[in-house]
Amino acid sequence: MRVPGGAGSCSRWARCRRFGSTRSSRARGCRCARQSAPTWGCAAAKCATGFWMVVKEDGHMITARQEPRLVLVSITLENNYLTLEAPGMEQIVLPIKLPSSNKIHDCRLFGLDIKGRDCGDEVAQWFTNYLKTQAYRLVQFDTSMKGRTTKKLYPSESYLQNYEVAYPDCSPIHLISEASLVDLNTRLKKKVKMEYFRPNIVVSGCEAFEEDTWDELLIGDVEMKRVLSCPRCVLTTVDPDTGIIDRKEPLETLKSYRLCDPSVKSLYQSSPLFGMYFSVEKIGSLRVGDPVYRMVD
C-alpha cells in the first residue's frame, strides 16, 4: 500500500459525494452513506458480495436496453435481505444467501458464458408480471462460480490488468465526477441527472473529466486501480424517472465531443466515453464525504 512518506505518496484530488449500489439488472439501485467495496473485479482476492442479473428463461441476460422499465426497479439491502420495489407492484423480499438446492443456470452475458443461481419462482414471476413481455428469471452470482476474465472480455487488449468480474459490464466500480456532468449539461437542451449514467461513486471538487487521468485511487481504506474509460451506449437515453427510452440524448451530444483517441479506437469503437471503471486492489470500506486521494509514485 502506498502512503504519504512511504514508497509513494497520495495527493488529495476530490471528495466522495455519494454512492449508488452496484447492480447487474440495470435497476434504479439505491444511495447509501457507507459502502463496502465490491470485491469481484478485485485482483487480490475472491470475496463475498452480491451480484444479480435478470435473464430470459434460456439464460440470456436482459438489461434496460431491451426492457427500459427495469430502471424503475428500486433495491434496498438490509439485514441480509434484498427488497425490490417497482411501480404498480407489491414489494418483494428475498434473502441474500440462497439455498444450495436452487438450480444453477448456464447464462450468457455479452457473448460470454457465466453461471447464476436461480432466486426462485416468486421473484421470477414478479419480474415477469412487471415487464409483461415474456418469462424472466432472477439469478445470483456466488463466489463458488467463475467470473469472466479480462482476457475474455478484451482479448485484443493484452495490456489490461488481469482480474475476474461477475455480472457488471467490465468492473464493479464506476466513477464519475459532478463536474463532468455539469460540463455535459451546458451542451444539452434538456439537462440530465447523474442517474442517467448509473455510477456507484460520484465525486466532487475536481475539474470536468479530471477523473480520466486518475490511475490509482485511495478512498477510505479502499485502493482502486483504473481499468478503462466507460464507453456509453443507448442505455444512457433511458429516462431514470419514467423508464422511457429516447435513443438520442444525451448519447448524441456525447458523441460530438467525447470520442476516444484514434490510438484506442479498437477498444472503444464509436462509443463516447463518460466515467471511469476501476478495480479493487485493497478491500475495505468508504463513506460519503471521504477525501479521494490520487496515489502517485
C-alpha atoms as a PDB file:
ATOM      1  CA  MET A   1       0.000   0.000   0.000  1.00  0.00           C
ATOM      2  CA  ARG A   2       1.338   3.442  -0.843  1.00  0.00           C
ATOM      3  CA  VAL A   3       1.024   6.005   1.920  1.00  0.00           C
ATOM      4  CA  PRO A   4       2.343   9.552   2.417  1.00  0.00           C
ATOM      5  CA  GLY A   5       6.008   9.300   3.353  1.00  0.00           C
ATOM      6  CA  GLY A   6       6.270   5.726   2.079  1.00  0.00           C
ATOM      7  CA  ALA A   7       7.416   4.327  -1.242  1.00  0.00           C
ATOM      8  CA  GLY A   8       4.853   6.527  -2.909  1.00  0.00           C
ATOM      9  CA  SER A   9       2.510   9.298  -1.854  1.00  0.00           C
ATOM     10  CA  CYS A  10      -1.131  10.397  -2.061  1.00  0.00           C
ATOM     11  CA  SER A  11      -2.377  13.810  -3.132  1.00  0.00           C
ATOM     12  CA  ARG A  12      -5.980  14.779  -2.357  1.00  0.00           C
ATOM     13  CA  TRP A  13      -7.903  15.238  -5.584  1.00  0.00           C
ATOM     14  CA  ALA A  14     -11.591  15.435  -4.749  1.00  0.00           C
ATOM     15  CA  ARG A  15     -14.230  14.301  -2.270  1.00  0.00           C
ATOM     16  CA  CYS A  16     -16.587  11.342  -2.379  1.00  0.00           C
ATOM     17  CA  ARG A  17     -20.034  12.862  -2.891  1.00  0.00           C
ATOM     18  CA  ARG A  18     -22.428   9.910  -2.920  1.00  0.00           C
ATOM     19  CA  PHE A  19     -22.764   6.240  -3.697  1.00  0.00           C
ATOM     20  CA  GLY A  20     -25.165   4.103  -5.677  1.00  0.00           C
ATOM     21  CA  SER A  21     -25.406   0.360  -5.341  1.00  0.00           C
ATOM     22  CA  THR A  22     -23.544  -1.980  -7.655  1.00  0.00           C
ATOM     23  CA  ARG A  23     -26.283  -3.566  -9.743  1.00  0.00           C
ATOM     24  CA  SER A  24     -26.464  -6.041 -12.537  1.00  0.00           C
ATOM     25  CA  SER A  25     -30.039  -5.796 -13.767  1.00  0.00           C
ATOM     26  CA  ARG A  26     -29.635  -2.062 -14.505  1.00  0.00           C
ATOM     27  CA  ALA A  27     -32.252  -1.197 -11.942  1.00  0.00           C
ATOM     28  CA  ARG A  28     -32.624   2.129 -10.126  1.00  0.00           C
ATOM     29  CA  GLY A  29     -30.437   0.999  -7.250  1.00  0.00           C
ATOM     30  CA  CYS A  30     -30.055   2.970  -4.026  1.00  0.00           C
ATOM     31  CA  ARG A  31     -27.935   5.626  -2.393  1.00  0.00           C
ATOM     32  CA  CYS A  32     -26.069   4.934   0.801  1.00  0.00           C
ATOM     33  CA  ALA A  33     -23.852   6.773   3.269  1.00  0.00           C
ATOM     34  CA  ARG A  34     -21.368   3.953   3.727  1.00  0.00           C
ATOM     35  CA  GLN A  35     -20.374   1.178   1.378  1.00  0.00           C
ATOM     36  CA  SER A  36     -18.042  -1.782   1.296  1.00  0.00           C
ATOM     37  CA  ALA A  37     -16.044  -2.025  -1.891  1.00  0.00           C
ATOM     38  CA  PRO A  38     -17.325  -4.761  -4.235  1.00  0.00           C
ATOM     39  CA  THR A  39     -14.678  -7.420  -4.420  1.00  0.00           C
ATOM     40  CA  TRP A  40     -15.350  -9.169  -7.715  1.00  0.00           C
ATOM     41  CA  GLY A  41     -13.253  -7.204 -10.096  1.00  0.00           C
ATOM     42  CA  CYS A  42     -10.582  -7.425  -7.418  1.00  0.00           C
ATOM     43  CA  ALA A  43      -7.093  -8.500  -8.397  1.00  0.00           C
ATOM     44  CA  ALA A  44      -6.239  -9.559  -4.857  1.00  0.00           C
ATOM     45  CA  ALA A  45      -8.964 -11.960  -3.773  1.00  0.00           C
ATOM     46  CA  LYS A  46     -12.350 -13.514  -4.367  1.00  0.00           C
ATOM     47  CA  CYS A  47     -14.694 -12.450  -1.572  1.00  0.00           C
ATOM     48  CA  ALA A  48     -18.406 -12.473  -0.839  1.00  0.00           C
ATOM     49  CA  THR A  49     -20.516  -9.749  -2.389  1.00  0.00           C
ATOM     50  CA  GLY A  50     -23.819  -9.509  -4.215  1.00  0.00           C
ATOM     51  CA  PHE A  51     -24.474  -9.553  -7.942  1.00  0.00           C
ATOM     52  CA  TRP A  52     -27.845 -10.297  -9.529  1.00  0.00           C
ATOM     53  CA  MET A  53     -28.993 -10.469 -13.135  1.00  0.00           C
ATOM     54  CA  VAL A  54     -32.348 -10.698 -14.886  1.00  0.00           C
ATOM     55  CA  VAL A  55     -32.312 -13.336 -17.606  1.00  0.00           C
ATOM     56  CA  LYS A  56     -34.637 -14.905 -20.126  1.00  0.00           C
ATOM     57  CA  GLU A  57     -35.597 -18.491 -19.498  1.00  0.00           C
ATOM     58  CA  ASP A  58     -32.809 -19.548 -21.863  1.00  0.00           C
ATOM     59  CA  GLY A  59     -30.253 -17.748 -19.656  1.00  0.00           C
ATOM     60  CA  HIS A  60     -29.532 -14.743 -21.871  1.00  0.00           C
ATOM     61  CA  MET A  61     -29.155 -11.503 -19.915  1.00  0.00           C
ATOM     62  CA  ILE A  62     -31.706  -8.704 -20.074  1.00  0.00           C
ATOM     63  CA  THR A  63     -30.937  -5.052 -19.280  1.00  0.00           C
ATOM     64  CA  ALA A  64     -32.755  -1.751 -19.727  1.00  0.00           C
ATOM     65  CA  ARG A  65     -31.514  -1.709 -23.309  1.00  0.00           C
ATOM     66  CA  GLN A  66     -34.200  -4.304 -24.016  1.00  0.00           C
ATOM     67  CA  GLU A  67     -36.554  -3.551 -21.100  1.00  0.00           C
ATOM     68  CA  PRO A  68     -36.261   0.179 -20.255  1.00  0.00           C
ATOM     69  CA  ARG A  69     -38.661  -0.062 -17.293  1.00  0.00           C
ATOM     70  CA  LEU A  70     -36.020  -2.011 -15.387  1.00  0.00           C
ATOM     71  CA  VAL A  71     -34.562   1.375 -14.379  1.00  0.00           C
ATOM     72  CA  LEU A  72     -37.673   1.927 -12.226  1.00  0.00           C
ATOM     73  CA  VAL A  73     -36.929  -1.093 -10.041  1.00  0.00           C
ATOM     74  CA  SER A  74     -35.502   0.117  -6.718  1.00  0.00           C
ATOM     75  CA  ILE A  75     -33.306  -2.001  -4.474  1.00  0.00           C
ATOM     76  CA  THR A  76     -32.836  -1.931  -0.710  1.00  0.00           C
ATOM     77  CA  LEU A  77     -30.275  -4.118   1.012  1.00  0.00           C
ATOM     78  CA  GLU A  78     -30.730  -4.546   4.767  1.00  0.00           C
ATOM     79  CA  ASN A  79     -30.093  -7.295   7.331  1.00  0.00           C
ATOM     80  CA  ASN A  80     -29.067  -9.802   4.653  1.00  0.00           C
ATOM     81  CA  TYR A  81     -32.300  -9.334   2.698  1.00  0.00           C
ATOM     82  CA  LEU A  82     -32.870  -7.696  -0.669  1.00  0.00           C
ATOM     83  CA  THR A  83     -36.099  -5.722  -1.139  1.00  0.00           C
ATOM     84  CA  LEU A  84     -37.291  -4.944  -4.671  1.00  0.00           C
ATOM     85  CA  GLU A  85     -39.943  -2.342  -5.476  1.00  0.00           C
ATOM     86  CA  ALA A  86     -41.396  -1.144  -8.782  1.00  0.00           C
ATOM     87  CA  PRO A  87     -44.366   0.991  -9.905  1.00  0.00           C
ATOM     88  CA  GLY A  88     -47.662  -0.882  -9.613  1.00  0.00           C
ATOM     89  CA  MET A  89     -46.036  -3.857  -7.877  1.00  0.00           C
ATOM     90  CA  GLU A  90     -46.060  -5.103  -4.299  1.00  0.00           C
ATOM     91  CA  GLN A  91     -42.561  -5.111  -2.878  1.00  0.00           C
ATOM     92  CA  ILE A  92     -40.808  -8.449  -2.731  1.00  0.00           C
ATOM     93  CA  VAL A  93     -38.129  -9.539  -0.254  1.00  0.00           C
ATOM     94  CA  LEU A  94     -35.563 -12.267  -0.841  1.00  0.00           C
ATOM     95  CA  PRO A  95     -32.579 -13.473   1.188  1.00  0.00           C
ATOM     96  CA  ILE A  96     -29.019 -12.686   0.167  1.00  0.00           C
ATOM     97  CA  LYS A  97     -27.980 -16.268   0.861  1.00  0.00           C
ATOM     98  CA  LEU A  98     -29.874 -18.670  -1.359  1.00  0.00           C
ATOM     99  CA  PRO A  99     -30.489 -22.367  -0.637  1.00  0.00           C
ATOM    100  CA  SER A 100     -27.765 -24.520  -2.176  1.00  0.00           C
ATOM    101  CA  SER A 101     -30.545 -26.634  -3.686  1.00  0.00           C
ATOM    102  CA  ASN A 102     -31.609 -23.778  -6.001  1.00  0.00           C
ATOM    103  CA  LYS A 103     -30.881 -24.543  -9.631  1.00  0.00           C
ATOM    104  CA  ILE A 104     -27.729 -23.159 -11.233  1.00  0.00           C
ATOM    105  CA  HIS A 105     -28.347 -21.762 -14.720  1.00  0.00           C
ATOM    106  CA  ASP A 106     -25.948 -21.523 -17.637  1.00  0.00           C
ATOM    107  CA  CYS A 107     -26.226 -17.847 -18.568  1.00  0.00           C
ATOM    108  CA  ARG A 108     -24.963 -15.698 -21.411  1.00  0.00           C
ATOM    109  CA  LEU A 109     -23.625 -12.185 -20.795  1.00  0.00           C
ATOM    110  CA  PHE A 110     -22.225 -10.042 -23.623  1.00  0.00           C
ATOM    111  CA  GLY A 111     -21.393 -13.177 -25.587  1.00  0.00           C
ATOM    112  CA  LEU A 112     -19.644 -14.975 -22.715  1.00  0.00           C
ATOM    113  CA  ASP A 113     -20.798 -17.905 -20.592  1.00  0.00           C
ATOM    114  CA  ILE A 114     -21.322 -17.455 -16.854  1.00  0.00           C
ATOM    115  CA  LYS A 115     -23.292 -19.213 -14.128  1.00  0.00           C
ATOM    116  CA  GLY A 116     -26.147 -17.926 -11.976  1.00  0.00           C
ATOM    117  CA  ARG A 117     -28.066 -19.456  -9.074  1.00  0.00           C
ATOM    118  CA  ASP A 118     -31.835 -19.185  -9.501  1.00  0.00           C
ATOM    119  CA  CYS A 119     -33.536 -16.891  -6.957  1.00  0.00           C
ATOM    120  CA  GLY A 120     -36.833 -18.765  -7.008  1.00  0.00           C
ATOM    121  CA  ASP A 121     -40.206 -18.814  -8.739  1.00  0.00           C
ATOM    122  CA  GLU A 122     -41.747 -15.980  -6.721  1.00  0.00           C
ATOM    123  CA  VAL A 123     -39.281 -13.285  -7.796  1.00  0.00           C
ATOM    124  CA  ALA A 124     -39.229 -14.718 -11.330  1.00  0.00           C
ATOM    125  CA  GLN A 125     -42.996 -14.230 -11.522  1.00  0.00           C
ATOM    126  CA  TRP A 126     -42.590 -10.743 -10.027  1.00  0.00           C
ATOM    127  CA  PHE A 127     -40.290  -9.618 -12.867  1.00  0.00           C
ATOM    128  CA  THR A 128     -42.442 -11.397 -15.461  1.00  0.00           C
ATOM    129  CA  ASN A 129     -45.602  -9.658 -14.231  1.00  0.00           C
ATOM    130  CA  TYR A 130     -43.884  -6.281 -14.039  1.00  0.00           C
ATOM    131  CA  LEU A 131     -42.299  -6.303 -17.505  1.00  0.00           C
ATOM    132  CA  LYS A 132     -45.241  -8.048 -19.200  1.00  0.00           C
ATOM    133  CA  THR A 133     -43.304  -9.169 -22.297  1.00  0.00           C
ATOM    134  CA  GLN A 134     -42.041 -12.707 -21.646  1.00  0.00           C
ATOM    135  CA  ALA A 135     -40.964 -15.003 -18.813  1.00  0.00           C
ATOM    136  CA  TYR A 136     -37.918 -13.896 -16.832  1.00  0.00           C
ATOM    137  CA  ARG A 137     -35.768 -15.310 -14.032  1.00  0.00           C
ATOM    138  CA  LEU A 138     -33.515 -13.615 -11.487  1.00  0.00           C
ATOM    139  CA  VAL A 139     -30.134 -15.227 -10.861  1.00  0.00           C
ATOM    140  CA  GLN A 140     -27.394 -14.528  -8.331  1.00  0.00           C
ATOM    141  CA  PHE A 141     -23.649 -14.904  -8.690  1.00  0.00           C
ATOM    142  CA  ASP A 142     -21.842 -16.558  -5.798  1.00  0.00           C
ATOM    143  CA  THR A 143     -18.169 -16.934  -5.058  1.00  0.00           C
ATOM    144  CA  SER A 144     -18.059 -20.613  -5.968  1.00  0.00           C
ATOM    145  CA  MET A 145     -18.670 -19.577  -9.567  1.00  0.00           C
ATOM    146  CA  LYS A 146     -16.062 -18.473 -12.085  1.00  0.00           C
ATOM    147  CA  GLY A 147     -16.252 -14.882 -13.269  1.00  0.00           C
ATOM    148  CA  ARG A 148     -15.466 -13.514 -16.709  1.00  0.00           C
ATOM    149  CA  THR A 149     -11.752 -12.788 -17.127  1.00  0.00           C
ATOM    150  CA  THR A 150     -10.152  -9.692 -18.605  1.00  0.00           C
ATOM    151  CA  LYS A 151      -8.610 -11.842 -21.336  1.00  0.00           C
ATOM    152  CA  LYS A 152     -12.065 -12.966 -22.451  1.00  0.00           C
ATOM    153  CA  LEU A 153     -13.655  -9.533 -22.094  1.00  0.00           C
ATOM    154  CA  TYR A 154     -10.930  -7.790 -24.103  1.00  0.00           C
ATOM    155  CA  PRO A 155      -8.875 -10.466 -25.900  1.00  0.00           C
ATOM    156  CA  SER A 156      -7.007  -7.948 -28.070  1.00  0.00           C
ATOM    157  CA  GLU A 157      -6.047  -5.656 -25.165  1.00  0.00           C
ATOM    158  CA  SER A 158      -3.238  -7.604 -23.506  1.00  0.00           C
ATOM    159  CA  TYR A 159      -2.037  -4.565 -21.519  1.00  0.00           C
ATOM    160  CA  LEU A 160      -5.106  -4.576 -19.242  1.00  0.00           C
ATOM    161  CA  GLN A 161      -4.610  -5.961 -15.738  1.00  0.00           C
ATOM    162  CA  ASN A 162      -5.812  -9.498 -15.134  1.00  0.00           C
ATOM    163  CA  TYR A 163      -8.893  -9.975 -12.940  1.00  0.00           C
ATOM    164  CA  GLU A 164     -12.337 -11.601 -12.939  1.00  0.00           C
ATOM    165  CA  VAL A 165     -15.694  -9.851 -12.886  1.00  0.00           C
ATOM    166  CA  ALA A 166     -19.193 -11.218 -12.290  1.00  0.00           C
ATOM    167  CA  TYR A 167     -22.195  -9.512 -13.951  1.00  0.00           C
ATOM    168  CA  PRO A 168     -21.174  -5.818 -14.308  1.00  0.00           C
ATOM    169  CA  ASP A 169     -20.068  -4.840 -17.819  1.00  0.00           C
ATOM    170  CA  CYS A 170     -16.349  -4.915 -17.047  1.00  0.00           C
ATOM    171  CA  SER A 171     -15.773  -3.775 -13.456  1.00  0.00           C
ATOM    172  CA  PRO A 172     -17.843  -3.294 -10.276  1.00  0.00           C
ATOM    173  CA  ILE A 173     -16.576   0.278  -9.661  1.00  0.00           C
ATOM    174  CA  HIS A 174     -17.893   3.013 -11.936  1.00  0.00           C
ATOM    175  CA  LEU A 175     -16.875   6.573 -11.002  1.00  0.00           C
ATOM    176  CA  ILE A 176     -17.970   9.949 -12.417  1.00  0.00           C
ATOM    177  CA  SER A 177     -17.336  13.499 -11.187  1.00  0.00           C
ATOM    178  CA  GLU A 178     -20.122  16.030 -10.722  1.00  0.00           C
ATOM    179  CA  ALA A 179     -18.078  18.494 -12.797  1.00  0.00           C
ATOM    180  CA  SER A 180     -18.204  16.197 -15.824  1.00  0.00           C
ATOM    181  CA  LEU A 181     -21.996  16.099 -15.642  1.00  0.00           C
ATOM    182  CA  VAL A 182     -22.144  19.901 -15.322  1.00  0.00           C
ATOM    183  CA  ASP A 183     -19.990  20.177 -18.450  1.00  0.00           C
ATOM    184  CA  LEU A 184     -22.287  17.850 -20.388  1.00  0.00           C
ATOM    185  CA  ASN A 185     -25.398  19.737 -19.284  1.00  0.00           C
ATOM    186  CA  THR A 186     -24.035  23.009 -20.681  1.00  0.00           C
ATOM    187  CA  ARG A 187     -24.280  21.355 -24.108  1.00  0.00           C
ATOM    188  CA  LEU A 188     -27.771  19.839 -23.770  1.00  0.00           C
ATOM    189  CA  LYS A 189     -31.122  21.499 -24.401  1.00  0.00           C
ATOM    190  CA  LYS A 190     -32.684  19.243 -21.758  1.00  0.00           C
ATOM    191  CA  LYS A 191     -30.442  18.721 -18.743  1.00  0.00           C
ATOM    192  CA  VAL A 192     -29.912  15.200 -17.421  1.00  0.00           C
ATOM    193  CA  LYS A 193     -29.050  13.985 -13.937  1.00  0.00           C
ATOM    194  CA  MET A 194     -26.402  11.570 -12.781  1.00  0.00           C
ATOM    195  CA  GLU A 195     -28.861   8.653 -12.670  1.00  0.00           C
ATOM    196  CA  TYR A 196     -28.796   8.517 -16.477  1.00  0.00           C
ATOM    197  CA  PHE A 197     -25.248   7.135 -16.158  1.00  0.00           C
ATOM    198  CA  ARG A 198     -25.609   4.896 -13.055  1.00  0.00           C
ATOM    199  CA  PRO A 199     -22.195   5.353 -11.402  1.00  0.00           C
ATOM    200  CA  ASN A 200     -21.768   3.859  -7.960  1.00  0.00           C
ATOM    201  CA  ILE A 201     -19.259   6.506  -6.865  1.00  0.00           C
ATOM    202  CA  VAL A 202     -19.783  10.221  -7.541  1.00  0.00           C
ATOM    203  CA  VAL A 203     -17.017  12.683  -6.634  1.00  0.00           C
ATOM    204  CA  SER A 204     -16.978  16.467  -6.296  1.00  0.00           C
ATOM    205  CA  GLY A 205     -14.284  19.129  -6.033  1.00  0.00           C
ATOM    206  CA  CYS A 206     -12.352  18.389  -9.222  1.00  0.00           C
ATOM    207  CA  GLU A 207     -12.360  19.696 -12.794  1.00  0.00           C
ATOM    208  CA  ALA A 208     -14.591  18.255 -15.516  1.00  0.00           C
ATOM    209  CA  PHE A 209     -13.224  14.938 -16.812  1.00  0.00           C
ATOM    210  CA  GLU A 210     -10.263  15.087 -14.457  1.00  0.00           C
ATOM    211  CA  GLU A 211     -11.187  11.529 -13.476  1.00  0.00           C
ATOM    212  CA  ASP A 212      -9.980  10.462 -16.930  1.00  0.00           C
ATOM    213  CA  THR A 213      -6.410  10.968 -15.682  1.00  0.00           C
ATOM    214  CA  TRP A 214      -6.672   9.060 -12.392  1.00  0.00           C
ATOM    215  CA  ASP A 215      -4.784   5.777 -12.412  1.00  0.00           C
ATOM    216  CA  GLU A 216      -4.796   4.687  -8.759  1.00  0.00           C
ATOM    217  CA  LEU A 217      -7.079   5.993  -6.005  1.00  0.00           C
ATOM    218  CA  LEU A 218      -7.422   5.720  -2.255  1.00  0.00           C
ATOM    219  CA  ILE A 219     -10.902   6.378  -0.807  1.00  0.00           C
ATOM    220  CA  GLY A 220     -11.395   5.491   2.831  1.00  0.00           C
ATOM    221  CA  ASP A 221      -9.212   2.416   3.178  1.00  0.00           C
ATOM    222  CA  VAL A 222     -10.041   1.106  -0.306  1.00  0.00           C
ATOM    223  CA  GLU A 223      -7.371   1.130  -3.002  1.00  0.00           C
ATOM    224  CA  MET A 224      -8.563   1.150  -6.603  1.00  0.00           C
ATOM    225  CA  LYS A 225      -6.841   0.890  -9.950  1.00  0.00           C
ATOM    226  CA  ARG A 226      -8.038   2.288 -13.271  1.00  0.00           C
ATOM    227  CA  VAL A 227      -9.320  -0.290 -15.738  1.00  0.00           C
ATOM    228  CA  LEU A 228     -10.602   1.767 -18.666  1.00  0.00           C
ATOM    229  CA  SER A 229     -12.976   4.559 -19.604  1.00  0.00           C
ATOM    230  CA  CYS A 230     -16.683   3.754 -19.684  1.00  0.00           C
ATOM    231  CA  PRO A 231     -17.989   3.525 -23.274  1.00  0.00           C
ATOM    232  CA  ARG A 232     -21.587   4.733 -23.366  1.00  0.00           C
ATOM    233  CA  CYS A 233     -24.476   3.142 -25.234  1.00  0.00           C
ATOM    234  CA  VAL A 234     -28.204   3.614 -25.819  1.00  0.00           C
ATOM    235  CA  LEU A 235     -28.898   2.812 -22.164  1.00  0.00           C
ATOM    236  CA  THR A 236     -27.910   6.421 -21.349  1.00  0.00           C
ATOM    237  CA  THR A 237     -31.025   7.564 -23.215  1.00  0.00           C
ATOM    238  CA  VAL A 238     -33.421   5.797 -20.822  1.00  0.00           C
ATOM    239  CA  ASP A 239     -35.098   8.354 -18.547  1.00  0.00           C
ATOM    240  CA  PRO A 240     -34.487   7.071 -14.976  1.00  0.00           C
ATOM    241  CA  ASP A 241     -37.753   8.667 -13.766  1.00  0.00           C
ATOM    242  CA  THR A 242     -40.112   7.365 -16.453  1.00  0.00           C
ATOM    243  CA  GLY A 243     -38.421   4.271 -17.915  1.00  0.00           C
ATOM    244  CA  ILE A 244     -38.917   5.677 -21.439  1.00  0.00           C
ATOM    245  CA  ILE A 245     -36.080   5.276 -23.943  1.00  0.00           C
ATOM    246  CA  ASP A 246     -35.282   8.247 -26.212  1.00  0.00           C
ATOM    247  CA  ARG A 247     -32.458   6.627 -28.238  1.00  0.00           C
ATOM    248  CA  LYS A 248     -30.902  10.052 -28.937  1.00  0.00           C
ATOM    249  CA  GLU A 249     -29.882  12.228 -25.999  1.00  0.00           C
ATOM    250  CA  PRO A 250     -27.593  12.595 -24.169  1.00  0.00           C
ATOM    251  CA  LEU A 251     -25.770   9.986 -26.300  1.00  0.00           C
ATOM    252  CA  GLU A 252     -25.669  12.081 -29.487  1.00  0.00           C
ATOM    253  CA  THR A 253     -24.194  15.078 -27.683  1.00  0.00           C
ATOM    254  CA  LEU A 254     -21.570  12.899 -26.013  1.00  0.00           C
ATOM    255  CA  LYS A 255     -20.589  11.589 -29.440  1.00  0.00           C
ATOM    256  CA  SER A 256     -19.958  15.150 -30.577  1.00  0.00           C
ATOM    257  CA  TYR A 257     -17.067  15.708 -28.174  1.00  0.00           C
ATOM    258  CA  ARG A 258     -16.234  12.606 -26.119  1.00  0.00           C
ATOM    259  CA  LEU A 259     -14.994  10.080 -28.691  1.00  0.00           C
ATOM    260  CA  CYS A 260     -11.778   8.211 -27.911  1.00  0.00           C
ATOM    261  CA  ASP A 261      -8.304   8.916 -29.192  1.00  0.00           C
ATOM    262  CA  PRO A 262      -7.653   7.083 -32.502  1.00  0.00           C
ATOM    263  CA  SER A 263      -4.918   5.035 -30.807  1.00  0.00           C
ATOM    264  CA  VAL A 264      -7.531   3.141 -28.726  1.00  0.00           C
ATOM    265  CA  LYS A 265     -10.346   3.001 -31.274  1.00  0.00           C
ATOM    266  CA  SER A 266     -10.017  -0.789 -31.450  1.00  0.00           C
ATOM    267  CA  LEU A 267     -11.188  -0.878 -27.827  1.00  0.00           C
ATOM    268  CA  TYR A 268     -13.926   1.765 -27.756  1.00  0.00           C
ATOM    269  CA  GLN A 269     -15.032   1.839 -31.408  1.00  0.00           C
ATOM    270  CA  SER A 270     -17.538   4.692 -31.941  1.00  0.00           C
ATOM    271  CA  SER A 271     -18.809   4.797 -28.345  1.00  0.00           C
ATOM    272  CA  PRO A 272     -18.375   8.098 -26.485  1.00  0.00           C
ATOM    273  CA  LEU A 273     -16.610   7.975 -23.126  1.00  0.00           C
ATOM    274  CA  PHE A 274     -18.144   9.203 -19.876  1.00  0.00           C
ATOM    275  CA  GLY A 275     -16.992   7.911 -16.499  1.00  0.00           C
ATOM    276  CA  MET A 276     -14.214   5.564 -15.432  1.00  0.00           C
ATOM    277  CA  TYR A 277     -14.082   1.902 -14.424  1.00  0.00           C
ATOM    278  CA  PHE A 278     -11.860   0.865 -11.508  1.00  0.00           C
ATOM    279  CA  SER A 279     -10.921  -2.483  -9.997  1.00  0.00           C
ATOM    280  CA  VAL A 280     -10.425  -3.013  -6.262  1.00  0.00           C
ATOM    281  CA  GLU A 281      -6.795  -3.557  -5.273  1.00  0.00           C
ATOM    282  CA  LYS A 282      -7.280  -3.427  -1.490  1.00  0.00           C
ATOM    283  CA  ILE A 283     -10.633  -4.320   0.063  1.00  0.00           C
ATOM    284  CA  GLY A 284     -12.192  -2.031   2.654  1.00  0.00           C
ATOM    285  CA  SER A 285     -14.957   0.487   3.346  1.00  0.00           C
ATOM    286  CA  LEU A 286     -15.643   4.028   2.155  1.00  0.00           C
ATOM    287  CA  ARG A 287     -18.092   6.715   3.215  1.00  0.00           C
ATOM    288  CA  VAL A 288     -19.798   9.729   1.689  1.00  0.00           C
ATOM    289  CA  GLY A 289     -17.547  12.702   2.392  1.00  0.00           C
ATOM    290  CA  ASP A 290     -14.291  10.721   2.293  1.00  0.00           C
ATOM    291  CA  PRO A 291     -11.410  12.526   0.568  1.00  0.00           C
ATOM    292  CA  VAL A 292     -10.399  11.000  -2.747  1.00  0.00           C
ATOM    293  CA  TYR A 293      -6.630  10.610  -2.993  1.00  0.00           C
ATOM    294  CA  ARG A 294      -4.746  10.072  -6.204  1.00  0.00           C
ATOM    295  CA  MET A 295      -1.863   7.720  -5.492  1.00  0.00           C
ATOM    296  CA  VAL A 296       1.387   8.809  -7.084  1.00  0.00           C
ATOM    297  CA  ASP A 297       4.946   7.445  -7.123  1.00  0.00           C
END
